[in-house]
Amino acid sequence: MSQPPIEVLPAPAVPAAPSAEMPVPRRWWWAGAGLLLAIALLALIVAWMAQQRIKLLQQELVRRQQDSGSQAVEARTLAKQASDGMRDNAAKIALLEARVAEVAIQRSQLEDLIQSLSRSRDENVVVDIDAAIRVALQQTAITGTAEPLVSALKQADERLARYNQPRLEGVRRAIARDLDRVKAVGVTDLPTLSIRLDEAVRLVDELPLLSVVEPRKPASSPLSRQAQRSAPVAPEASAAAWASVLDTTWREFTDRVWSEVRSLVRVTRIDHPEAMLLVPEQAYFVRENLKLRLLNARLALLARQYDAAQADLQVAQSALDRYFDRGSRRHALATDLVRQVATQARHVGVPRPDDTLAALSAASAGR
């Protein structure tokens, strides 16, 4: 028996229950937001702490900087005090050394005095002459002239001549030889050189410059002078006399015109072009600079610095040749004065009286 087909009916759709997994995305979102918020708060806290730390570091740095500045000021003050103290100590030491030197000098003088009292008359004479000659040597080295040494040698010779001791004749012969050698040396005459430089300085204001044209004096022609010396023509003079007068007048007129034309042009040889570029306002400074060079040379001569004096004189000579008219008589005089000073301003060594000193040493030793 066949069974009827069984119909399978579809199961009724059961409504899905609300699942618990539906709000998961929203929950994760809130969790992420909370995490971000926590991270932001943490970052803010860390930033605030870092800011506070930076402020503390800045305050510490400022405080240390202020401390270091105050310490530097104190150190500078202490260094200045130490420097002042060292300077005072150096001054005291120098004073003590000077006093010790004075005491040593006084002691040596006292010893010399005691020894001089114990010497004989001959020895005293020899020692006095030796001391006088050595002092004259020092004065010669200081003044740069041989006059102190010549005077000391002459006085020593006169004293020995009055003493008339045969044992000291060798000293007199040595003094004569040294005196001849000292007199033979030409020593620089500083006062004369100073006077020459002063005269050159005085002439500077009168020197004509190349850039300044000096007005020429009108020269009277021989014809005009002859016409002035001639007597007035008498009314009864002949025609030849009138012709001579007219000829003289014409020649005088032409000579005057020619002199005026010549005064318009001046031909001058200029070795240095900058001399013609000198404006009138700079002429004062050129003259003053030349004066300063000459005065510096004068001071260098008085100080016996001959190299510096020669340098200043060379610069002055160069300025004279460059900016001033060489054809002027004053220029020739100033140039001659500068050249004379430059020629004579040299160091000349005064010979030492070695023969006299050796003879005095031998006489004091009893030989």
Protein backbone atom coordinates (compact mmCIF):
# COMPACT_ATOMS: atom_id res chain seq x y z
CA MET A 1 0.00 0.00 0.00
CA SER A 2 1.44 3.18 -0.99
CA GLN A 3 1.71 5.78 1.62
CA PRO A 4 0.84 9.26 0.82
CA PRO A 5 3.77 11.62 0.47
CA ILE A 6 4.68 13.39 3.52
CA GLU A 7 4.74 17.10 3.12
CA VAL A 8 7.50 18.84 4.85
CA LEU A 9 6.31 22.12 5.92
CA PRO A 10 8.84 24.89 6.43
CA ALA A 11 9.51 25.69 9.96
CA PRO A 12 8.00 28.88 11.10
CA ALA A 13 10.44 31.73 11.28
CA VAL A 14 11.33 32.26 14.84
CA PRO A 15 12.08 35.88 15.57
CA ALA A 16 15.71 36.32 16.44
CA ALA A 17 16.32 37.27 19.97
CA PRO A 18 18.25 40.43 20.52
CA SER A 19 21.87 39.39 20.51
CA ALA A 20 24.31 40.57 23.15
CA GLU A 21 27.02 41.18 20.55
CA MET A 22 25.25 44.04 18.78
CA PRO A 23 26.61 46.91 21.02
CA VAL A 24 30.26 45.72 20.71
CA PRO A 25 31.41 48.49 18.30
CA ARG A 26 29.98 51.21 20.51
CA ARG A 27 31.63 49.73 23.51
CA TRP A 28 34.99 49.61 21.76
CA TRP A 29 34.56 53.19 20.71
CA TRP A 30 33.98 54.30 24.24
CA ALA A 31 36.94 52.24 25.37
CA GLY A 32 39.18 53.83 22.72
CA ALA A 33 37.93 57.27 23.58
CA GLY A 34 38.62 56.64 27.23
CA LEU A 35 42.08 55.32 26.39
CA LEU A 36 42.83 58.35 24.25
CA LEU A 37 41.54 60.61 26.95
CA ALA A 38 43.75 58.86 29.47
CA ILE A 39 46.72 59.14 27.14
CA ALA A 40 45.97 62.84 26.57
CA LEU A 41 45.69 63.45 30.28
CA LEU A 42 48.89 61.52 30.82
CA ALA A 43 50.57 63.56 28.07
CA LEU A 44 49.29 66.78 29.59
CA ILE A 45 50.55 65.71 32.98
CA VAL A 46 53.94 64.76 31.52
CA ALA A 47 54.09 68.04 29.58
CA TRP A 48 53.14 70.00 32.68
CA MET A 49 55.79 68.18 34.69
CA ALA A 50 58.34 68.79 31.92
CA GLN A 51 57.35 72.44 31.83
CA GLN A 52 57.74 72.68 35.56
CA ARG A 53 61.09 70.93 35.33
CA ILE A 54 62.20 73.31 32.58
CA LYS A 55 61.11 76.27 34.70
CA LEU A 56 63.03 74.86 37.63
CA LEU A 57 66.05 74.33 35.41
CA GLN A 58 65.74 77.85 34.06
CA GLN A 59 65.48 79.27 37.55
CA GLU A 60 68.45 77.19 38.60
CA LEU A 61 70.38 78.34 35.55
CA VAL A 62 69.54 81.99 36.25
CA ARG A 63 70.49 81.57 39.88
CA ARG A 64 73.76 79.92 38.95
CA GLN A 65 74.42 82.59 36.36
CA GLN A 66 73.81 85.28 38.93
CA ASP A 67 76.05 83.43 41.36
CA SER A 68 78.75 83.10 38.74
CA GLY A 69 78.41 86.81 37.88
CA SER A 70 78.72 87.81 41.50
CA GLN A 71 81.65 85.42 41.89
CA ALA A 72 83.26 86.92 38.79
CA VAL A 73 82.82 90.41 40.23
CA GLU A 74 84.28 89.25 43.51
CA ALA A 75 87.11 87.53 41.68
CA ARG A 76 87.74 90.69 39.67
CA THR A 77 87.72 92.75 42.85
CA LEU A 78 90.09 90.32 44.53
CA ALA A 79 92.34 90.32 41.46
CA LYS A 80 92.41 94.12 41.47
CA GLN A 81 93.19 94.13 45.17
CA ALA A 82 95.91 91.55 44.59
CA SER A 83 97.32 93.62 41.72
CA ASP A 84 97.30 96.74 43.89
CA GLY A 85 98.93 94.80 46.67
CA MET A 86 101.59 93.46 44.30
CA ARG A 87 102.18 96.97 42.98
CA ASP A 88 102.53 98.29 46.51
CA ASN A 89 104.82 95.43 47.39
CA ALA A 90 106.89 96.07 44.26
CA ALA A 91 107.15 99.75 45.19
CA LYS A 92 108.18 98.84 48.72
CA ILE A 93 110.71 96.33 47.39
CA ALA A 94 112.09 98.93 44.99
CA LEU A 95 112.32 101.42 47.86
CA LEU A 96 114.06 98.85 50.01
CA GLU A 97 116.45 98.01 47.19
CA ALA A 98 117.17 101.70 46.69
CA ARG A 99 117.85 102.09 50.40
CA VAL A 100 120.03 98.98 50.38
CA ALA A 101 121.90 100.40 47.39
CA GLU A 102 122.30 103.70 49.22
CA VAL A 103 123.57 101.86 52.27
CA ALA A 104 125.97 99.89 50.08
CA ILE A 105 127.17 103.08 48.44
CA GLN A 106 127.59 104.75 51.81
CA ARG A 107 129.43 101.69 53.06
CA SER A 108 131.73 101.68 50.04
CA GLN A 109 132.29 105.41 50.46
CA LEU A 110 133.07 104.89 54.10
CA GLU A 111 135.49 102.10 53.24
CA ASP A 112 137.11 104.30 50.61
CA LEU A 113 137.39 107.08 53.15
CA ILE A 114 139.03 104.75 55.67
CA GLN A 115 141.39 103.45 53.01
CA SER A 116 142.20 106.96 51.84
CA LEU A 117 143.11 107.89 55.40
CA SER A 118 145.49 104.97 55.56
CA ARG A 119 147.17 105.72 52.21
CA SER A 120 150.14 107.89 51.63
CA ARG A 121 150.10 111.21 49.84
CA ASP A 122 151.12 109.73 46.47
CA GLU A 123 148.43 107.12 46.61
CA ASN A 124 145.81 109.75 47.43
CA VAL A 125 146.83 111.80 44.41
CA VAL A 126 146.69 108.78 42.12
CA VAL A 127 143.32 107.68 43.47
CA ASP A 128 141.85 111.17 43.15
CA ILE A 129 143.02 111.49 39.56
CA ASP A 130 141.67 108.04 38.70
CA ALA A 131 138.29 108.86 40.26
CA ALA A 132 138.13 112.23 38.49
CA ILE A 133 138.89 110.62 35.12
CA ARG A 134 136.28 107.90 35.62
CA VAL A 135 133.65 110.48 36.59
CA ALA A 136 134.61 112.48 33.49
CA LEU A 137 134.13 109.33 31.39
CA GLN A 138 130.60 108.96 32.75
CA GLN A 139 129.84 112.63 32.07
CA THR A 140 131.18 112.24 28.53
CA ALA A 141 128.95 109.25 27.94
CA ILE A 142 125.94 111.18 29.26
CA THR A 143 126.53 114.48 27.48
CA GLY A 144 128.04 113.07 24.27
CA THR A 145 130.86 115.65 24.28
CA ALA A 146 134.55 115.25 25.05
CA GLU A 147 134.78 118.43 27.13
CA PRO A 148 134.46 116.74 30.57
CA LEU A 149 137.19 114.23 29.72
CA VAL A 150 139.50 116.87 28.24
CA SER A 151 138.99 119.07 31.31
CA ALA A 152 139.69 116.17 33.68
CA LEU A 153 142.88 115.20 31.84
CA LYS A 154 144.11 118.81 31.84
CA GLN A 155 143.42 119.19 35.56
CA ALA A 156 145.19 115.90 36.26
CA ASP A 157 148.24 117.02 34.26
CA GLU A 158 148.34 120.40 36.06
CA ARG A 159 148.03 118.68 39.45
CA LEU A 160 150.86 116.27 38.66
CA ALA A 161 152.96 119.16 37.38
CA ARG A 162 152.49 120.99 40.69
CA TYR A 163 153.17 117.84 42.67
CA ASN A 164 156.46 117.27 40.77
CA GLN A 165 156.94 113.63 41.68
CA PRO A 166 159.39 111.73 39.40
CA ARG A 167 157.62 108.45 40.08
CA LEU A 168 154.48 109.82 38.37
CA GLU A 169 156.15 111.07 35.17
CA GLY A 170 154.89 108.00 33.34
CA VAL A 171 151.32 109.00 34.28
CA ARG A 172 151.88 112.48 32.86
CA ARG A 173 153.15 111.05 29.56
CA ALA A 174 150.12 108.76 29.35
CA ILE A 175 147.83 111.73 30.08
CA ALA A 176 149.47 113.71 27.26
CA ARG A 177 148.95 110.86 24.78
CA ASP A 178 145.30 110.38 25.74
CA LEU A 179 144.69 114.12 25.65
CA ASP A 180 146.00 114.32 22.08
CA ARG A 181 143.83 111.38 21.00
CA VAL A 182 140.68 112.84 22.59
CA LYS A 183 141.27 116.29 21.06
CA ALA A 184 141.76 114.73 17.61
CA VAL A 185 138.23 113.31 17.61
CA GLY A 186 135.61 115.63 16.14
CA VAL A 187 132.59 115.42 18.43
CA THR A 188 129.16 116.53 17.26
CA ASP A 189 128.42 120.12 18.26
CA LEU A 190 124.80 119.75 19.36
CA PRO A 191 124.15 123.42 20.25
CA THR A 192 125.25 124.58 16.78
CA LEU A 193 123.14 121.93 15.07
CA SER A 194 120.13 122.94 17.17
CA ILE A 195 120.59 126.58 16.15
CA ARG A 196 120.73 125.58 12.48
CA LEU A 197 117.54 123.57 12.78
CA ASP A 198 115.82 126.50 14.50
CA GLU A 199 116.88 128.74 11.62
CA ALA A 200 115.52 126.18 9.11
CA VAL A 201 112.22 126.09 11.00
CA ARG A 202 112.06 129.88 10.85
CA LEU A 203 112.62 129.84 7.08
CA VAL A 204 109.79 127.37 6.43
CA ASP A 205 107.11 130.08 6.54
CA GLU A 206 109.02 132.12 3.95
CA LEU A 207 109.62 129.31 1.43
CA PRO A 208 107.68 129.70 -1.85
CA LEU A 209 105.54 126.73 -2.89
CA LEU A 210 105.50 125.32 -6.41
CA SER A 211 101.70 125.33 -6.48
CA VAL A 212 101.45 129.04 -5.59
CA VAL A 213 102.44 131.53 -8.26
CA GLU A 214 104.13 134.53 -6.74
CA PRO A 215 103.48 137.90 -8.39
CA ARG A 216 106.42 139.15 -10.36
CA LYS A 217 107.79 142.59 -9.77
CA PRO A 218 107.56 144.79 -12.87
CA ALA A 219 111.04 145.32 -14.18
CA SER A 220 111.78 148.72 -15.53
CA SER A 221 113.47 148.58 -18.91
CA PRO A 222 116.81 150.30 -19.55
CA LEU A 223 115.14 152.50 -22.15
CA SER A 224 112.59 153.81 -19.63
CA ARG A 225 115.33 154.46 -17.09
CA GLN A 226 117.30 156.31 -19.75
CA ALA A 227 114.24 158.33 -20.68
CA GLN A 228 113.68 159.20 -17.02
CA ARG A 229 117.26 160.32 -16.63
CA SER A 230 117.15 162.37 -19.82
CA ALA A 231 116.44 166.05 -19.54
CA PRO A 232 113.20 167.54 -20.93
CA VAL A 233 113.36 168.37 -24.58
CA ALA A 234 113.68 172.04 -25.35
CA PRO A 235 111.09 173.64 -27.61
CA GLU A 236 113.75 174.30 -30.18
CA ALA A 237 114.76 170.61 -30.40
CA SER A 238 115.23 169.20 -33.81
CA ALA A 239 113.02 166.62 -35.57
CA ALA A 240 115.68 163.98 -34.97
CA ALA A 241 115.32 164.42 -31.19
CA TRP A 242 111.55 164.02 -31.45
CA ALA A 243 112.01 160.89 -33.54
CA SER A 244 114.38 159.50 -30.88
CA VAL A 245 111.83 160.20 -28.14
CA LEU A 246 109.07 158.54 -30.13
CA ASP A 247 111.27 155.53 -30.79
CA THR A 248 112.12 155.28 -27.07
CA THR A 249 108.46 155.50 -26.11
CA TRP A 250 107.51 152.84 -28.64
CA ARG A 251 110.20 150.46 -27.42
CA GLU A 252 109.15 150.99 -23.81
CA PHE A 253 105.55 150.25 -24.74
CA THR A 254 106.50 147.08 -26.60
CA ASP A 255 108.70 145.96 -23.68
CA ARG A 256 105.82 146.41 -21.24
CA VAL A 257 103.45 144.47 -23.51
CA TRP A 258 105.99 141.67 -23.84
CA SER A 259 106.53 141.50 -20.06
CA GLU A 260 102.78 141.26 -19.52
CA VAL A 261 102.53 138.45 -22.09
CA ARG A 262 105.42 136.62 -20.44
CA SER A 263 103.72 136.91 -17.05
CA LEU A 264 100.74 134.97 -18.39
CA VAL A 265 102.78 131.80 -18.87
CA ARG A 266 105.24 130.29 -16.42
CA VAL A 267 107.39 127.30 -17.40
CA THR A 268 108.53 125.29 -14.39
CA ARG A 269 110.05 121.85 -14.16
CA ILE A 270 107.97 119.67 -11.85
CA ASP A 271 109.57 116.38 -10.83
CA HIS A 272 106.66 115.41 -8.58
CA PRO A 273 103.16 116.02 -10.02
CA GLU A 274 101.53 115.95 -6.59
CA ALA A 275 103.25 119.26 -5.78
CA MET A 276 101.05 121.05 -8.30
CA LEU A 277 97.90 119.34 -6.96
CA LEU A 278 98.40 120.97 -3.56
CA VAL A 279 95.46 123.25 -2.84
CA PRO A 280 96.07 126.55 -1.00
CA GLU A 281 94.28 125.24 2.10
CA GLN A 282 96.82 122.40 2.37
CA ALA A 283 99.87 124.67 2.18
CA TYR A 284 99.54 125.44 5.90
CA PHE A 285 99.62 121.73 6.77
CA VAL A 286 102.62 121.11 4.49
CA ARG A 287 104.59 123.84 6.25
CA GLU A 288 103.52 122.66 9.72
CA ASN A 289 104.43 119.04 8.93
CA LEU A 290 107.84 120.18 7.72
CA LYS A 291 108.30 122.17 10.95
CA LEU A 292 107.33 119.13 13.01
CA ARG A 293 109.87 116.99 11.17
CA LEU A 294 112.62 119.51 11.83
CA LEU A 295 111.63 119.85 15.49
CA ASN A 296 111.55 116.05 15.86
CA ALA A 297 115.04 115.90 14.37
CA ARG A 298 116.13 118.55 16.89
CA LEU A 299 114.72 116.56 19.80
CA ALA A 300 116.34 113.38 18.47
CA LEU A 301 119.69 115.15 18.29
CA LEU A 302 119.35 116.39 21.85
CA ALA A 303 118.47 112.83 22.90
CA ARG A 304 121.45 111.54 20.83
CA GLN A 305 119.20 109.33 18.73
CA TYR A 306 121.06 109.95 15.51
CA ASP A 307 119.21 107.33 13.45
CA ALA A 308 115.84 108.92 14.20
CA ALA A 309 117.29 112.36 13.49
CA GLN A 310 118.64 111.22 10.12
CA ALA A 311 115.25 109.74 9.18
CA ASP A 312 113.42 112.97 10.04
CA LEU A 313 115.99 115.04 8.17
CA GLN A 314 115.61 112.86 5.07
CA VAL A 315 111.83 113.29 5.15
CA ALA A 316 112.26 117.06 5.59
CA GLN A 317 114.71 117.24 2.67
CA SER A 318 112.31 115.25 0.50
CA ALA A 319 109.46 117.65 1.39
CA LEU A 320 111.65 120.64 0.57
CA ASP A 321 112.54 119.23 -2.85
CA ARG A 322 108.97 118.11 -3.60
CA TYR A 323 106.70 120.98 -2.62
CA PHE A 324 108.87 124.11 -2.67
CA ASP A 325 110.52 126.12 -5.41
CA ARG A 326 114.16 125.08 -5.76
CA GLY A 327 115.07 128.29 -7.53
CA SER A 328 114.36 130.37 -4.46
CA ARG A 329 117.25 131.71 -2.39
CA ARG A 330 115.45 130.85 0.84
CA HIS A 331 114.96 127.29 -0.37
CA ALA A 332 118.67 126.98 -1.09
CA LEU A 333 119.50 128.34 2.38
CA ALA A 334 117.06 125.97 4.15
CA THR A 335 118.31 123.00 2.11
CA ASP A 336 121.91 123.86 2.93
CA LEU A 337 121.09 124.06 6.66
CA VAL A 338 119.32 120.68 6.62
CA ARG A 339 122.18 119.06 4.71
CA GLN A 340 124.77 120.45 7.09
CA VAL A 341 122.88 119.07 10.07
CA ALA A 342 122.41 115.69 8.34
CA THR A 343 126.14 115.55 7.55
CA GLN A 344 127.28 116.39 11.08
CA ALA A 345 124.57 114.49 13.01
CA ARG A 346 126.42 111.26 13.55
CA HIS A 347 127.58 109.28 16.53
CA VAL A 348 131.27 109.72 17.27
CA GLY A 349 132.79 107.57 19.99
CA VAL A 350 135.13 109.36 22.37
CA PRO A 351 138.27 107.25 22.92
CA ARG A 352 138.85 105.98 26.43
CA PRO A 353 142.00 107.11 28.23
CA ASP A 354 143.25 103.55 28.60
CA ASP A 355 146.92 104.57 28.77
CA THR A 356 146.23 106.96 31.64
CA LEU A 357 144.14 104.42 33.54
CA ALA A 358 146.82 101.75 33.06
CA ALA A 359 149.54 104.14 34.22
CA LEU A 360 147.48 105.10 37.27
CA SER A 361 146.91 101.41 38.10
CA ALA A 362 150.64 100.72 37.82
CA ALA A 363 151.43 103.76 39.99
CA SER A 364 148.93 102.71 42.67
CA ALA A 365 150.41 99.19 42.65
CA GLY A 366 153.87 100.63 43.33
CA ARG A 367 155.44 99.70 39.98
